[in-house]
Structures are given as structure tokens and as C-alpha cells.
Amino acid sequence: MNIGVIGIGDIAEKAYFPIYAMQREHHFHCFTRNTLTQKRIQEKYGFHIHYDLDSLLAVDLHAVMIHAATAAHEELIQRCLIAGIPVFVDKPVTDDIKTTGRILQYAKNEGVPLMAGFNRRFAPHYVKAEAMKEKNMILLQKNRRNLPGDLRTFVYDDYIHVLDTLLHHLGGEPDKWEVSGEWKGSMLASIVLTMKRERVTAIGIMNRDAGVNEEILEVVSPSGKMVVRNLSELFLKEGHYETKARTGDWTPTLEIRGFQAMVNTFFSAVEKKERMPMLVEEIMNTHNWCEKIIDKLEKNRG
């Protein structure tokens, strides 16, 4: 397949391009306005380079990967969808709920596949934790070292991962929920969200005024507990016993963090014309919850 790639920032080069380099059966066409990046990508990977968007879209593309800044998503996604090209976009789709809704509805109406980059849905240890039977509590902490931020950016660019993971693990809409935040001047420092669905309680914490970068997922059931640290270590606890699940010493970081399976699943679905692994309705729901949290925190702040 011919795959277009739009936007080549630090995350794209670290998390996606090593995966693209392994896809020998596909041809990658990259567009970025940064001349130094153009040269580096061409020399390192030998990918086709395009100097403007029209040139890229003139190629017979089977899919487009959008890694540009969130502010550019709306225009780029629309151009691709109107051209009938399946789209993968880094989360969020946009940080405006009406715009996101319009884009997703268009994709659904026109039957053009669209997938958002929620890699934790594909991280092997998170997949195991999500499958735990009779779970009654889910706790996810994702903390950042001394990084309070603007409310909307905090939620849409970072906390959205915590939120999507909780919604995915709950397997349905919460019966009730509450959220609180701590502020540092005009900047949001932390969020604590509690959701309840039937007999399951899900708690999502993000402290960006912490002295450490860490992510810890705990899933509890009457028979035991699973703990995943930084997506890479899985501990199984039962009674007084704790065992660490082995991960191959040479397992690539991008596989552990779910990026490899996410990209491969998207490419496979496009190539075989199968249903996307994440429905448009699920993507919209996660964005709707972002907006609910922003609205509640703004009101509570007074």
C-alpha cells in the first residue's frame, strides 16, 4: 500500500517511524515543511518526500497517518476524508467537540475509515488487565514531573489517555461519576476522576505537579490483583504471593507500549477492508467525556 505521513515531530520519529521502517511491503510518502527533517528522513529511511500537501494527495494513497500538531488536525483530516482516504490521527481528533463531532460524522456517513491513536488499547499488559474476570476496581495513575498546564490542553493532550483507558476497561457508560481538580495559579495541577458502572469502580488520577514521571494501572478482583508499571512490567498478586510476568528481554519498547500492534492493526484493516478496531462512536465518546470533565472543572473552580 501507499501510506501518506503528514507531520514529522519528535513523537512521530520516536514512536512511529521505527515501525514504518519495518513495513517493507508498504511505500511511505512523507510531507513536512521542515527542510532539515525532510533531508534526515530521506537519508535515514529512503521514504518518498513531498514538499506540499497537494503533491502528497496526488499520490494514489491507501491511507494517511497524521502526526501534525492538534491545531492542524481539522484541515488535514477533512482534506483526506473528502479525498476518500482512510485516516489514522494522533489523539485527540481535535480539541473542539463540535469540530470533532462533525469530522467523525462525516467519516461515518461517507464510509471512510478513521482511527485515533489510543495506543494503550493495544499495549499487551493492558490488554491482559482489561480481560481480568470479575474485576471490581480499576485504578490508573499517570503522573508528570512538575508540568501543570492549561485545562483544555491538560485534558485533551494528556489526560485523554487515562480517560479512554478507564472507559475501555469499564466496557460501557458509567452509572455515576465525579471529578475534582487542583490548581496552581491559572494552571491545572491534578485531576481525580471516579466512575462507577454496576459493581465496578474506576479511578483515574493525573498529577502533573509530581516529582516523578510514572504510570501505574491496578485492576482488582476477588481472586487477586494485576499491577502494570509504566506499561512494561506486569505483577500478579494473590494472597501473600506476588509474581512478575516475564516479558522477553528483547521485546521492543514500541511493542510493549502498544504502538506496533496499533499501527499494524490499522494497516491490516485498511488493506483487508475490515472494520476499524476502534469504532467512531467510541472515539466520539472519549472526546465527549473530555468535554464533560473540562466543563465540570471550570464550574467547580468558580
C-alpha atoms as a PDB file:
ATOM      1  CA  MET A   1       0.000   0.000   0.000  1.00  0.00           C
ATOM      2  CA  ASN A   2       0.947   3.637  -0.425  1.00  0.00           C
ATOM      3  CA  ILE A   3       0.860   5.299   3.002  1.00  0.00           C
ATOM      4  CA  GLY A   4       0.948   9.069   3.432  1.00  0.00           C
ATOM      5  CA  VAL A   5       2.555  10.551   6.541  1.00  0.00           C
ATOM      6  CA  ILE A   6       1.798  14.160   7.492  1.00  0.00           C
ATOM      7  CA  GLY A   7       3.788  15.920  10.207  1.00  0.00           C
ATOM      8  CA  ILE A   8       7.095  14.587  11.492  1.00  0.00           C
ATOM      9  CA  GLY A   9       7.692  15.751  15.047  1.00  0.00           C
ATOM     10  CA  ASP A  10       9.612  14.219  17.919  1.00  0.00           C
ATOM     11  CA  ILE A  11       6.901  11.713  18.891  1.00  0.00           C
ATOM     12  CA  ALA A  12       6.369  10.612  15.292  1.00  0.00           C
ATOM     13  CA  GLU A  13      10.075   9.933  14.823  1.00  0.00           C
ATOM     14  CA  LYS A  14      10.382   8.028  18.103  1.00  0.00           C
ATOM     15  CA  ALA A  15       7.090   6.100  18.175  1.00  0.00           C
ATOM     16  CA  TYR A  16       6.049   5.618  14.556  1.00  0.00           C
ATOM     17  CA  PHE A  17       8.938   5.818  12.095  1.00  0.00           C
ATOM     18  CA  PRO A  18      10.792   2.782  13.515  1.00  0.00           C
ATOM     19  CA  ILE A  19       7.568   0.826  12.864  1.00  0.00           C
ATOM     20  CA  TYR A  20       7.194   2.249   9.357  1.00  0.00           C
ATOM     21  CA  ALA A  21      10.775   1.213   8.629  1.00  0.00           C
ATOM     22  CA  MET A  22       9.820  -2.439   9.261  1.00  0.00           C
ATOM     23  CA  GLN A  23       6.866  -2.291   6.835  1.00  0.00           C
ATOM     24  CA  ARG A  24       8.758  -3.423   3.745  1.00  0.00           C
ATOM     25  CA  GLU A  25       5.553  -4.247   1.879  1.00  0.00           C
ATOM     26  CA  HIS A  26       4.308  -0.638   2.066  1.00  0.00           C
ATOM     27  CA  HIS A  27       5.553   2.554   0.439  1.00  0.00           C
ATOM     28  CA  PHE A  28       5.680   5.669   2.619  1.00  0.00           C
ATOM     29  CA  HIS A  29       5.187   9.191   1.296  1.00  0.00           C
ATOM     30  CA  CYS A  30       6.047  11.881   3.849  1.00  0.00           C
ATOM     31  CA  PHE A  31       5.092  15.542   3.948  1.00  0.00           C
ATOM     32  CA  THR A  32       6.718  18.082   6.250  1.00  0.00           C
ATOM     33  CA  ARG A  33       7.719  21.688   5.641  1.00  0.00           C
ATOM     34  CA  ASN A  34      10.878  21.372   7.744  1.00  0.00           C
ATOM     35  CA  THR A  35      13.765  21.076   5.278  1.00  0.00           C
ATOM     36  CA  LEU A  36      16.152  19.548   7.826  1.00  0.00           C
ATOM     37  CA  THR A  37      13.562  16.889   8.696  1.00  0.00           C
ATOM     38  CA  GLN A  38      12.947  16.198   5.010  1.00  0.00           C
ATOM     39  CA  LYS A  39      16.638  15.520   4.456  1.00  0.00           C
ATOM     40  CA  ARG A  40      17.035  13.427   7.620  1.00  0.00           C
ATOM     41  CA  ILE A  41      14.034  11.191   6.891  1.00  0.00           C
ATOM     42  CA  GLN A  42      15.028  10.657   3.284  1.00  0.00           C
ATOM     43  CA  GLU A  43      18.601   9.755   4.210  1.00  0.00           C
ATOM     44  CA  LYS A  44      17.663   7.520   7.161  1.00  0.00           C
ATOM     45  CA  TYR A  45      14.658   5.666   5.743  1.00  0.00           C
ATOM     46  CA  GLY A  46      14.644   6.296   1.996  1.00  0.00           C
ATOM     47  CA  PHE A  47      10.973   7.295   2.121  1.00  0.00           C
ATOM     48  CA  HIS A  48       9.434   9.482  -0.586  1.00  0.00           C
ATOM     49  CA  ILE A  49       9.402  13.161   0.411  1.00  0.00           C
ATOM     50  CA  HIS A  50       6.718  15.656  -0.626  1.00  0.00           C
ATOM     51  CA  TYR A  51       7.118  19.387  -0.223  1.00  0.00           C
ATOM     52  CA  ASP A  52       3.442  20.325  -0.161  1.00  0.00           C
ATOM     53  CA  LEU A  53       0.127  18.671   0.716  1.00  0.00           C
ATOM     54  CA  ASP A  54      -1.235  18.775  -2.835  1.00  0.00           C
ATOM     55  CA  SER A  55       1.743  16.755  -4.056  1.00  0.00           C
ATOM     56  CA  LEU A  56       1.165  14.144  -1.352  1.00  0.00           C
ATOM     57  CA  LEU A  57      -2.567  13.843  -2.025  1.00  0.00           C
ATOM     58  CA  ALA A  58      -1.889  13.467  -5.758  1.00  0.00           C
ATOM     59  CA  VAL A  59      -0.392  10.051  -4.968  1.00  0.00           C
ATOM     60  CA  ASP A  60      -2.761   7.067  -5.061  1.00  0.00           C
ATOM     61  CA  LEU A  61      -2.768   6.751  -1.272  1.00  0.00           C
ATOM     62  CA  HIS A  62      -4.402   3.846   0.554  1.00  0.00           C
ATOM     63  CA  ALA A  63      -4.179   5.545   3.982  1.00  0.00           C
ATOM     64  CA  VAL A  64      -2.781   8.625   5.700  1.00  0.00           C
ATOM     65  CA  MET A  65      -1.088   8.861   9.099  1.00  0.00           C
ATOM     66  CA  ILE A  66      -1.489  12.339  10.616  1.00  0.00           C
ATOM     67  CA  HIS A  67       1.118  13.296  13.229  1.00  0.00           C
ATOM     68  CA  ALA A  68       0.795  17.072  12.929  1.00  0.00           C
ATOM     69  CA  ALA A  69       0.003  19.454  15.793  1.00  0.00           C
ATOM     70  CA  THR A  70      -3.567  19.239  17.109  1.00  0.00           C
ATOM     71  CA  ALA A  71      -4.380  22.724  15.761  1.00  0.00           C
ATOM     72  CA  ALA A  72      -3.775  21.457  12.210  1.00  0.00           C
ATOM     73  CA  HIS A  73      -5.861  18.284  12.507  1.00  0.00           C
ATOM     74  CA  GLU A  74      -9.187  19.681  11.311  1.00  0.00           C
ATOM     75  CA  GLU A  75      -7.967  20.862   7.909  1.00  0.00           C
ATOM     76  CA  LEU A  76      -5.730  17.839   7.304  1.00  0.00           C
ATOM     77  CA  ILE A  77      -8.347  15.253   8.268  1.00  0.00           C
ATOM     78  CA  GLN A  78     -11.007  16.956   6.159  1.00  0.00           C
ATOM     79  CA  ARG A  79      -8.761  17.062   3.092  1.00  0.00           C
ATOM     80  CA  CYS A  80      -8.073  13.338   3.414  1.00  0.00           C
ATOM     81  CA  LEU A  81     -11.669  12.307   4.140  1.00  0.00           C
ATOM     82  CA  ILE A  82     -13.021  14.343   1.211  1.00  0.00           C
ATOM     83  CA  ALA A  83     -10.486  12.523  -0.978  1.00  0.00           C
ATOM     84  CA  GLY A  84     -11.819   9.216   0.391  1.00  0.00           C
ATOM     85  CA  ILE A  85      -8.533   8.272   2.080  1.00  0.00           C
ATOM     86  CA  PRO A  86      -8.643   6.295   5.371  1.00  0.00           C
ATOM     87  CA  VAL A  87      -7.143   8.324   8.218  1.00  0.00           C
ATOM     88  CA  PHE A  88      -5.156   7.497  11.329  1.00  0.00           C
ATOM     89  CA  VAL A  89      -4.702  10.542  13.564  1.00  0.00           C
ATOM     90  CA  ASP A  90      -2.838  11.027  16.817  1.00  0.00           C
ATOM     91  CA  LYS A  91      -5.184  11.801  19.683  1.00  0.00           C
ATOM     92  CA  PRO A  92      -7.118  13.994  20.030  1.00  0.00           C
ATOM     93  CA  VAL A  93      -9.004  14.233  16.744  1.00  0.00           C
ATOM     94  CA  THR A  94      -9.381  17.926  17.655  1.00  0.00           C
ATOM     95  CA  ASP A  95      -9.768  19.743  20.966  1.00  0.00           C
ATOM     96  CA  ASP A  96     -13.106  21.272  19.923  1.00  0.00           C
ATOM     97  CA  ILE A  97     -16.061  18.958  20.499  1.00  0.00           C
ATOM     98  CA  LYS A  98     -18.247  20.351  17.699  1.00  0.00           C
ATOM     99  CA  THR A  99     -15.433  20.073  15.173  1.00  0.00           C
ATOM    100  CA  THR A 100     -14.615  16.538  16.285  1.00  0.00           C
ATOM    101  CA  GLY A 101     -18.275  15.557  16.043  1.00  0.00           C
ATOM    102  CA  ARG A 102     -18.577  16.999  12.547  1.00  0.00           C
ATOM    103  CA  ILE A 103     -15.440  15.182  11.348  1.00  0.00           C
ATOM    104  CA  LEU A 104     -16.439  11.826  12.816  1.00  0.00           C
ATOM    105  CA  GLN A 105     -19.993  12.090  11.494  1.00  0.00           C
ATOM    106  CA  TYR A 106     -18.668  12.852   8.006  1.00  0.00           C
ATOM    107  CA  ALA A 107     -16.323   9.849   8.151  1.00  0.00           C
ATOM    108  CA  LYS A 108     -19.198   7.617   9.234  1.00  0.00           C
ATOM    109  CA  ASN A 109     -21.661   8.948   6.651  1.00  0.00           C
ATOM    110  CA  GLU A 110     -19.164   8.624   3.797  1.00  0.00           C
ATOM    111  CA  GLY A 111     -17.848   5.255   4.942  1.00  0.00           C
ATOM    112  CA  VAL A 112     -14.233   6.458   5.137  1.00  0.00           C
ATOM    113  CA  PRO A 113     -12.320   4.681   7.942  1.00  0.00           C
ATOM    114  CA  LEU A 114     -10.920   6.893  10.705  1.00  0.00           C
ATOM    115  CA  MET A 115      -8.927   5.717  13.705  1.00  0.00           C
ATOM    116  CA  ALA A 116      -7.465   7.669  16.637  1.00  0.00           C
ATOM    117  CA  GLY A 117      -4.142   6.807  18.264  1.00  0.00           C
ATOM    118  CA  PHE A 118      -5.032   5.347  21.652  1.00  0.00           C
ATOM    119  CA  ASN A 119      -2.031   3.021  21.953  1.00  0.00           C
ATOM    120  CA  ARG A 120      -2.902   1.765  25.450  1.00  0.00           C
ATOM    121  CA  ARG A 121      -5.787  -0.232  23.986  1.00  0.00           C
ATOM    122  CA  PHE A 122      -3.109  -2.331  22.268  1.00  0.00           C
ATOM    123  CA  ALA A 123      -0.421  -2.472  24.984  1.00  0.00           C
ATOM    124  CA  PRO A 124      -0.043  -6.211  25.820  1.00  0.00           C
ATOM    125  CA  HIS A 125      -0.116  -5.849  29.628  1.00  0.00           C
ATOM    126  CA  TYR A 126      -3.118  -3.502  29.482  1.00  0.00           C
ATOM    127  CA  VAL A 127      -4.911  -5.986  27.236  1.00  0.00           C
ATOM    128  CA  LYS A 128      -4.340  -8.705  29.860  1.00  0.00           C
ATOM    129  CA  ALA A 129      -5.527  -6.436  32.669  1.00  0.00           C
ATOM    130  CA  GLU A 130      -8.647  -5.437  30.728  1.00  0.00           C
ATOM    131  CA  ALA A 131      -9.539  -9.122  30.300  1.00  0.00           C
ATOM    132  CA  MET A 132      -9.382  -9.834  34.056  1.00  0.00           C
ATOM    133  CA  LYS A 133     -12.583 -11.594  35.147  1.00  0.00           C
ATOM    134  CA  GLU A 134     -14.917 -10.253  37.849  1.00  0.00           C
ATOM    135  CA  LYS A 135     -12.902  -7.076  38.319  1.00  0.00           C
ATOM    136  CA  ASN A 136     -14.451  -4.649  40.778  1.00  0.00           C
ATOM    137  CA  MET A 137     -11.914  -1.824  40.837  1.00  0.00           C
ATOM    138  CA  ILE A 138      -9.676  -0.118  38.287  1.00  0.00           C
ATOM    139  CA  LEU A 139      -7.110   2.487  39.323  1.00  0.00           C
ATOM    140  CA  LEU A 140      -4.914   4.288  36.801  1.00  0.00           C
ATOM    141  CA  GLN A 141      -2.335   6.910  37.767  1.00  0.00           C
ATOM    142  CA  LYS A 142      -0.399   8.828  35.112  1.00  0.00           C
ATOM    143  CA  ASN A 143       1.831  11.404  36.748  1.00  0.00           C
ATOM    144  CA  ARG A 144       4.143  14.024  35.295  1.00  0.00           C
ATOM    145  CA  ARG A 145       7.106  15.784  36.812  1.00  0.00           C
ATOM    146  CA  ASN A 146       6.333  19.449  37.548  1.00  0.00           C
ATOM    147  CA  LEU A 147       4.178  20.128  34.478  1.00  0.00           C
ATOM    148  CA  PRO A 148       0.917  21.927  35.410  1.00  0.00           C
ATOM    149  CA  GLY A 149      -0.906  23.131  32.317  1.00  0.00           C
ATOM    150  CA  ASP A 150      -3.823  24.873  30.682  1.00  0.00           C
ATOM    151  CA  LEU A 151      -7.059  22.993  31.433  1.00  0.00           C
ATOM    152  CA  ARG A 152      -8.050  22.147  27.855  1.00  0.00           C
ATOM    153  CA  THR A 153      -4.526  21.137  26.855  1.00  0.00           C
ATOM    154  CA  PHE A 154      -4.099  19.098  30.058  1.00  0.00           C
ATOM    155  CA  VAL A 155      -7.267  17.093  29.366  1.00  0.00           C
ATOM    156  CA  TYR A 156      -7.137  16.705  25.589  1.00  0.00           C
ATOM    157  CA  ASP A 157      -3.409  16.156  25.107  1.00  0.00           C
ATOM    158  CA  ASP A 158      -2.604  14.040  28.156  1.00  0.00           C
ATOM    159  CA  TYR A 159      -5.428  13.039  30.484  1.00  0.00           C
ATOM    160  CA  ILE A 160      -7.375  11.709  27.482  1.00  0.00           C
ATOM    161  CA  HIS A 161      -5.209   8.551  27.688  1.00  0.00           C
ATOM    162  CA  VAL A 162      -6.301   7.904  31.273  1.00  0.00           C
ATOM    163  CA  LEU A 163      -9.914   8.614  30.403  1.00  0.00           C
ATOM    164  CA  ASP A 164     -10.013   6.375  27.330  1.00  0.00           C
ATOM    165  CA  THR A 165      -8.382   3.517  29.240  1.00  0.00           C
ATOM    166  CA  LEU A 166     -10.971   3.713  32.038  1.00  0.00           C
ATOM    167  CA  LEU A 167     -13.882   3.815  29.582  1.00  0.00           C
ATOM    168  CA  HIS A 168     -12.446   0.871  27.652  1.00  0.00           C
ATOM    169  CA  HIS A 169     -11.904  -1.213  30.800  1.00  0.00           C
ATOM    170  CA  LEU A 170     -15.373  -0.383  32.158  1.00  0.00           C
ATOM    171  CA  GLY A 171     -16.897  -1.738  28.961  1.00  0.00           C
ATOM    172  CA  GLY A 172     -19.804   0.708  28.989  1.00  0.00           C
ATOM    173  CA  GLU A 173     -21.084   4.053  30.190  1.00  0.00           C
ATOM    174  CA  PRO A 174     -20.718   4.875  33.914  1.00  0.00           C
ATOM    175  CA  ASP A 175     -23.864   4.999  36.042  1.00  0.00           C
ATOM    176  CA  LYS A 176     -22.389   7.903  38.005  1.00  0.00           C
ATOM    177  CA  TRP A 177     -19.197   9.905  38.145  1.00  0.00           C
ATOM    178  CA  GLU A 178     -17.439  12.798  39.837  1.00  0.00           C
ATOM    179  CA  VAL A 179     -14.264  14.744  39.177  1.00  0.00           C
ATOM    180  CA  SER A 180     -12.111  17.203  41.082  1.00  0.00           C
ATOM    181  CA  GLY A 181      -9.039  19.230  40.232  1.00  0.00           C
ATOM    182  CA  GLU A 182      -6.257  21.075  41.999  1.00  0.00           C
ATOM    183  CA  TRP A 183      -4.976  24.325  40.558  1.00  0.00           C
ATOM    184  CA  LYS A 184      -1.611  26.047  40.736  1.00  0.00           C
ATOM    185  CA  GLY A 185      -2.478  29.626  39.926  1.00  0.00           C
ATOM    186  CA  SER A 186      -4.126  29.609  36.494  1.00  0.00           C
ATOM    187  CA  MET A 187      -2.691  26.178  35.661  1.00  0.00           C
ATOM    188  CA  LEU A 188      -4.335  22.829  36.401  1.00  0.00           C
ATOM    189  CA  ALA A 189      -2.048  20.664  38.531  1.00  0.00           C
ATOM    190  CA  SER A 190      -4.045  17.448  39.005  1.00  0.00           C
ATOM    191  CA  ILE A 191      -7.267  15.591  38.238  1.00  0.00           C
ATOM    192  CA  VAL A 192      -9.014  12.840  40.194  1.00  0.00           C
ATOM    193  CA  LEU A 193     -11.909  11.163  38.359  1.00  0.00           C
ATOM    194  CA  THR A 194     -14.159   8.462  39.814  1.00  0.00           C
ATOM    195  CA  MET A 195     -16.558   6.466  37.645  1.00  0.00           C
ATOM    196  CA  LYS A 196     -18.923   3.697  38.710  1.00  0.00           C
ATOM    197  CA  ARG A 197     -20.639   1.170  36.479  1.00  0.00           C
ATOM    198  CA  GLU A 198     -22.684  -1.561  38.122  1.00  0.00           C
ATOM    199  CA  ARG A 199     -20.268  -3.104  40.672  1.00  0.00           C
ATOM    200  CA  VAL A 200     -17.072  -1.690  39.184  1.00  0.00           C
ATOM    201  CA  THR A 201     -15.347   1.490  40.377  1.00  0.00           C
ATOM    202  CA  ALA A 202     -12.785   3.150  38.098  1.00  0.00           C
ATOM    203  CA  ILE A 203     -10.467   5.891  39.341  1.00  0.00           C
ATOM    204  CA  GLY A 204      -8.242   7.953  37.056  1.00  0.00           C
ATOM    205  CA  ILE A 205      -5.568  10.176  38.590  1.00  0.00           C
ATOM    206  CA  MET A 206      -3.162  12.535  36.904  1.00  0.00           C
ATOM    207  CA  ASN A 207      -0.804  14.664  38.970  1.00  0.00           C
ATOM    208  CA  ARG A 208       1.292  16.991  36.846  1.00  0.00           C
ATOM    209  CA  ASP A 209       2.766  18.635  39.917  1.00  0.00           C
ATOM    210  CA  ALA A 210       4.523  15.416  40.903  1.00  0.00           C
ATOM    211  CA  GLY A 211       8.228  14.866  41.323  1.00  0.00           C
ATOM    212  CA  VAL A 212       8.178  11.819  39.064  1.00  0.00           C
ATOM    213  CA  ASN A 213       7.046  10.599  35.654  1.00  0.00           C
ATOM    214  CA  GLU A 214       5.175   7.330  36.128  1.00  0.00           C
ATOM    215  CA  GLU A 215       2.142   5.343  35.068  1.00  0.00           C
ATOM    216  CA  ILE A 216       0.583   2.628  37.221  1.00  0.00           C
ATOM    217  CA  LEU A 217      -2.511   0.586  36.379  1.00  0.00           C
ATOM    218  CA  GLU A 218      -4.115  -1.598  39.062  1.00  0.00           C
ATOM    219  CA  VAL A 219      -7.043  -3.922  38.360  1.00  0.00           C
ATOM    220  CA  VAL A 220      -8.592  -5.726  41.333  1.00  0.00           C
ATOM    221  CA  SER A 221     -10.954  -8.695  41.606  1.00  0.00           C
ATOM    222  CA  PRO A 222     -11.992 -11.052  44.446  1.00  0.00           C
ATOM    223  CA  SER A 223      -9.354 -13.510  43.234  1.00  0.00           C
ATOM    224  CA  GLY A 224      -6.401 -11.133  43.081  1.00  0.00           C
ATOM    225  CA  LYS A 225      -4.843  -8.082  41.537  1.00  0.00           C
ATOM    226  CA  MET A 226      -2.885  -7.096  38.447  1.00  0.00           C
ATOM    227  CA  VAL A 227      -0.447  -4.182  38.561  1.00  0.00           C
ATOM    228  CA  VAL A 228       1.155  -2.733  35.429  1.00  0.00           C
ATOM    229  CA  ARG A 229       4.014  -0.282  35.908  1.00  0.00           C
ATOM    230  CA  ASN A 230       4.919   2.102  33.093  1.00  0.00           C
ATOM    231  CA  LEU A 231       3.230  -0.270  30.631  1.00  0.00           C
ATOM    232  CA  SER A 232       6.299  -2.518  30.729  1.00  0.00           C
ATOM    233  CA  GLU A 233       6.046  -4.583  33.937  1.00  0.00           C
ATOM    234  CA  LEU A 234       3.116  -6.800  34.958  1.00  0.00           C
ATOM    235  CA  PHE A 235       2.758  -8.094  38.515  1.00  0.00           C
ATOM    236  CA  LEU A 236       0.178 -10.689  39.569  1.00  0.00           C
ATOM    237  CA  LYS A 237      -0.825 -10.635  43.227  1.00  0.00           C
ATOM    238  CA  GLU A 238      -2.870 -13.253  45.068  1.00  0.00           C
ATOM    239  CA  GLY A 239      -2.989 -13.538  48.850  1.00  0.00           C
ATOM    240  CA  HIS A 240       0.572 -13.180  50.160  1.00  0.00           C
ATOM    241  CA  TYR A 241       2.128 -14.081  46.818  1.00  0.00           C
ATOM    242  CA  GLU A 242       3.371 -11.816  44.059  1.00  0.00           C
ATOM    243  CA  THR A 243       4.801 -12.916  40.733  1.00  0.00           C
ATOM    244  CA  LYS A 244       6.197 -10.853  37.907  1.00  0.00           C
ATOM    245  CA  ALA A 245       5.074 -11.834  34.428  1.00  0.00           C
ATOM    246  CA  ARG A 246       8.042 -12.219  32.155  1.00  0.00           C
ATOM    247  CA  THR A 247       8.500 -10.068  29.097  1.00  0.00           C
ATOM    248  CA  GLY A 248      11.123 -11.077  26.590  1.00  0.00           C
ATOM    249  CA  ASP A 249      14.401  -9.262  27.241  1.00  0.00           C
ATOM    250  CA  TRP A 250      14.462  -8.154  23.618  1.00  0.00           C
ATOM    251  CA  THR A 251      10.814  -7.143  23.340  1.00  0.00           C
ATOM    252  CA  PRO A 252      10.852  -3.723  21.626  1.00  0.00           C
ATOM    253  CA  THR A 253       9.582  -0.759  23.641  1.00  0.00           C
ATOM    254  CA  LEU A 254       7.126   0.176  20.891  1.00  0.00           C
ATOM    255  CA  GLU A 255       5.586  -3.288  21.107  1.00  0.00           C
ATOM    256  CA  ILE A 256       5.316  -3.049  24.905  1.00  0.00           C
ATOM    257  CA  ARG A 257       3.639   0.366  24.658  1.00  0.00           C
ATOM    258  CA  GLY A 258       1.126  -0.832  22.070  1.00  0.00           C
ATOM    259  CA  PHE A 259       2.269   1.283  19.126  1.00  0.00           C
ATOM    260  CA  GLN A 260       3.338  -1.629  16.953  1.00  0.00           C
ATOM    261  CA  ALA A 261       0.072  -3.566  17.305  1.00  0.00           C
ATOM    262  CA  MET A 262      -1.950  -0.371  16.851  1.00  0.00           C
ATOM    263  CA  VAL A 263      -0.266   0.573  13.573  1.00  0.00           C
ATOM    264  CA  ASN A 264      -0.271  -2.994  12.248  1.00  0.00           C
ATOM    265  CA  THR A 265      -3.963  -3.399  13.096  1.00  0.00           C
ATOM    266  CA  PHE A 266      -4.841  -0.174  11.282  1.00  0.00           C
ATOM    267  CA  PHE A 267      -2.856  -1.131   8.177  1.00  0.00           C
ATOM    268  CA  SER A 268      -4.384  -4.618   8.153  1.00  0.00           C
ATOM    269  CA  ALA A 269      -7.935  -3.268   8.499  1.00  0.00           C
ATOM    270  CA  VAL A 270      -7.385  -0.852   5.609  1.00  0.00           C
ATOM    271  CA  GLU A 271      -5.747  -3.458   3.390  1.00  0.00           C
ATOM    272  CA  LYS A 272      -8.420  -6.106   4.028  1.00  0.00           C
ATOM    273  CA  LYS A 273     -11.258  -3.547   4.138  1.00  0.00           C
ATOM    274  CA  GLU A 274     -12.212  -4.736   7.619  1.00  0.00           C
ATOM    275  CA  ARG A 275     -13.860  -2.804  10.435  1.00  0.00           C
ATOM    276  CA  MET A 276     -11.596  -0.470  12.374  1.00  0.00           C
ATOM    277  CA  PRO A 277     -10.647  -1.811  15.850  1.00  0.00           C
ATOM    278  CA  MET A 278     -11.994   1.368  17.467  1.00  0.00           C
ATOM    279  CA  LEU A 279     -15.457   2.488  16.381  1.00  0.00           C
ATOM    280  CA  VAL A 280     -16.200   6.112  15.504  1.00  0.00           C
ATOM    281  CA  GLU A 281     -18.743   6.096  18.339  1.00  0.00           C
ATOM    282  CA  GLU A 282     -16.031   5.095  20.836  1.00  0.00           C
ATOM    283  CA  ILE A 283     -13.736   7.871  19.644  1.00  0.00           C
ATOM    284  CA  MET A 284     -16.568  10.373  19.942  1.00  0.00           C
ATOM    285  CA  ASN A 285     -17.472   9.128  23.402  1.00  0.00           C
ATOM    286  CA  THR A 286     -13.952   9.640  24.729  1.00  0.00           C
ATOM    287  CA  HIS A 287     -13.924  13.188  23.352  1.00  0.00           C
ATOM    288  CA  ASN A 288     -17.375  13.849  24.835  1.00  0.00           C
ATOM    289  CA  TRP A 289     -16.061  12.811  28.235  1.00  0.00           C
ATOM    290  CA  CYS A 290     -13.096  15.165  27.840  1.00  0.00           C
ATOM    291  CA  GLU A 291     -15.572  17.984  27.351  1.00  0.00           C
ATOM    292  CA  LYS A 292     -17.681  16.901  30.354  1.00  0.00           C
ATOM    293  CA  ILE A 293     -14.613  16.943  32.578  1.00  0.00           C
ATOM    294  CA  ILE A 294     -13.474  20.349  31.319  1.00  0.00           C
ATOM    295  CA  ASP A 295     -16.948  21.779  31.870  1.00  0.00           C
ATOM    296  CA  LYS A 296     -17.198  20.349  35.401  1.00  0.00           C
ATOM    297  CA  LEU A 297     -13.738  21.532  36.442  1.00  0.00           C
ATOM    298  CA  GLU A 298     -14.404  25.024  35.103  1.00  0.00           C
ATOM    299  CA  LYS A 299     -17.677  25.231  37.037  1.00  0.00           C
ATOM    300  CA  ASN A 300     -16.188  23.829  40.240  1.00  0.00           C
ATOM    301  CA  ARG A 301     -13.340  26.300  40.074  1.00  0.00           C
ATOM    302  CA  GLY A 302     -15.867  29.135  40.146  1.00  0.00           C
END
